[in-house]
C-alpha atoms as a PDB file:
ATOM      1  CA  MET A   1     101.415 119.831  88.995  1.00  0.00           C
ATOM      2  CA  ASN A   2      99.427 119.959  85.824  1.00  0.00           C
ATOM      3  CA  GLN A   3     102.329 119.144  83.508  1.00  0.00           C
ATOM      4  CA  PRO A   4     102.670 115.478  82.496  1.00  0.00           C
ATOM      5  CA  GLU A   5     106.180 115.280  83.951  1.00  0.00           C
ATOM      6  CA  GLY A   6     104.860 116.695  87.221  1.00  0.00           C
ATOM      7  CA  ARG A   7     102.347 113.866  87.452  1.00  0.00           C
ATOM      8  CA  SER A   8     105.052 111.295  86.714  1.00  0.00           C
ATOM      9  CA  PHE A   9     107.293 112.846  89.375  1.00  0.00           C
ATOM     10  CA  LYS A  10     104.518 112.731  91.954  1.00  0.00           C
ATOM     11  CA  LEU A  11     103.400 109.188  91.094  1.00  0.00           C
ATOM     12  CA  ALA A  12     106.900 107.719  91.172  1.00  0.00           C
ATOM     13  CA  CYS A  13     108.487 109.574  94.061  1.00  0.00           C
ATOM     14  CA  GLN A  14     105.715 109.572  96.630  1.00  0.00           C
ATOM     15  CA  GLN A  15     105.599 105.775  96.571  1.00  0.00           C
ATOM     16  CA  CYS A  16     108.590 105.721  98.912  1.00  0.00           C
ATOM     17  CA  HIS A  17     108.969 109.162 100.484  1.00  0.00           C
ATOM     18  CA  VAL A  18     107.743 112.721 100.737  1.00  0.00           C
ATOM     19  CA  LEU A  19     108.148 114.594  97.459  1.00  0.00           C
ATOM     20  CA  PRO A  20     111.518 116.355  97.363  1.00  0.00           C
ATOM     21  CA  ASP A  21     111.787 120.050  96.641  1.00  0.00           C
ATOM     22  CA  PRO A  22     113.097 120.365  93.059  1.00  0.00           C
ATOM     23  CA  GLN A  23     115.481 123.046  94.302  1.00  0.00           C
ATOM     24  CA  ARG A  24     117.173 120.533  96.586  1.00  0.00           C
ATOM     25  CA  HIS A  25     119.627 119.806  93.753  1.00  0.00           C
ATOM     26  CA  THR A  26     120.963 121.561  90.672  1.00  0.00           C
ATOM     27  CA  ALA A  27     119.914 120.619  87.141  1.00  0.00           C
ATOM     28  CA  ALA A  28     123.241 118.808  86.723  1.00  0.00           C
ATOM     29  CA  GLU A  29     122.681 116.759  89.918  1.00  0.00           C
ATOM     30  CA  TRP A  30     119.077 115.612  89.395  1.00  0.00           C
ATOM     31  CA  PRO A  31     119.616 112.957  86.681  1.00  0.00           C
ATOM     32  CA  ALA A  32     122.024 111.042  88.949  1.00  0.00           C
ATOM     33  CA  VAL A  33     119.587 111.290  91.877  1.00  0.00           C
ATOM     34  CA  VAL A  34     116.722 110.016  89.712  1.00  0.00           C
ATOM     35  CA  ALA A  35     118.892 107.159  88.406  1.00  0.00           C
ATOM     36  CA  ARG A  36     119.747 106.173  91.994  1.00  0.00           C
ATOM     37  CA  MET A  37     116.059 106.209  92.955  1.00  0.00           C
ATOM     38  CA  GLU A  38     115.196 104.133  89.890  1.00  0.00           C
ATOM     39  CA  LYS A  39     117.739 101.506  91.008  1.00  0.00           C
ATOM     40  CA  ASN A  40     116.239 101.586  94.526  1.00  0.00           C
ATOM     41  CA  MET A  41     112.777 100.960  93.081  1.00  0.00           C
ATOM     42  CA  GLU A  42     114.077  98.043  90.984  1.00  0.00           C
ATOM     43  CA  TRP A  43     115.787  96.553  94.032  1.00  0.00           C
ATOM     44  CA  MET A  44     112.676  96.936  96.187  1.00  0.00           C
ATOM     45  CA  ASN A  45     110.524  95.208  93.561  1.00  0.00           C
ATOM     46  CA  ARG A  46     112.938  92.259  93.428  1.00  0.00           C
ATOM     47  CA  VAL A  47     113.077  91.950  97.215  1.00  0.00           C
ATOM     48  CA  VAL A  48     109.330  92.156  97.683  1.00  0.00           C
ATOM     49  CA  GLY A  49     108.799  89.888  94.698  1.00  0.00           C
ATOM     50  CA  SER A  50     105.901  91.839  93.334  1.00  0.00           C
ATOM     51  CA  SER A  51     105.012  91.495  89.706  1.00  0.00           C
ATOM     52  CA  HIS A  52     103.648  94.493  87.861  1.00  0.00           C
ATOM     53  CA  PRO A  53     100.097  94.340  86.544  1.00  0.00           C
ATOM     54  CA  PRO A  54      99.994  94.849  82.752  1.00  0.00           C
ATOM     55  CA  ASP A  55      97.980  98.075  83.102  1.00  0.00           C
ATOM     56  CA  GLU A  56     100.342  99.617  85.675  1.00  0.00           C
ATOM     57  CA  PRO A  57     101.832 102.927  84.498  1.00  0.00           C
ATOM     58  CA  GLN A  58     105.465 102.761  83.459  1.00  0.00           C
ATOM     59  CA  LEU A  59     108.114 104.850  85.189  1.00  0.00           C
ATOM     60  CA  ARG A  60     108.698 107.889  82.970  1.00  0.00           C
ATOM     61  CA  VAL A  61     112.259 108.809  83.895  1.00  0.00           C
ATOM     62  CA  GLU A  62     112.654 111.309  81.041  1.00  0.00           C
ATOM     63  CA  GLU A  63     109.559 113.218  82.169  1.00  0.00           C
ATOM     64  CA  ILE A  64     110.663 113.191  85.791  1.00  0.00           C
ATOM     65  CA  ASN A  65     114.119 114.489  84.866  1.00  0.00           C
ATOM     66  CA  ALA A  66     112.591 117.199  82.650  1.00  0.00           C
ATOM     67  CA  PHE A  67     110.348 118.343  85.509  1.00  0.00           C
ATOM     68  CA  LEU A  68     113.175 118.446  88.068  1.00  0.00           C
ATOM     69  CA  VAL A  69     115.806 120.010  85.803  1.00  0.00           C
ATOM     70  CA  LYS A  70     113.380 122.782  84.813  1.00  0.00           C
ATOM     71  CA  ARG A  71     112.750 123.616  88.486  1.00  0.00           C
ATOM     72  CA  ALA A  72     116.213 122.861  89.885  1.00  0.00           C
ATOM     73  CA  ARG A  73     118.327 125.121  92.067  1.00  0.00           C
ATOM     74  CA  LYS A  74     120.463 127.471  90.026  1.00  0.00           C
ATOM     75  CA  GLY A  75     124.183 127.125  90.334  1.00  0.00           C
END
């Protein structure tokens, strides 16, 4: 995963689970899945009460969606 969006996908998603196969969903389905995961991450941060260090990388949702949509299942 040498593309920037591939790195963002890996960094964000493997925090909670094994990386999903991009062909698990279609290009039309992935943005909703990513939005749901983003909400899960927000919820988990509130529950755990962790504060983000200022130098922590920001979640790059647009890059993650671009990576997944490009590699999504056809159909």
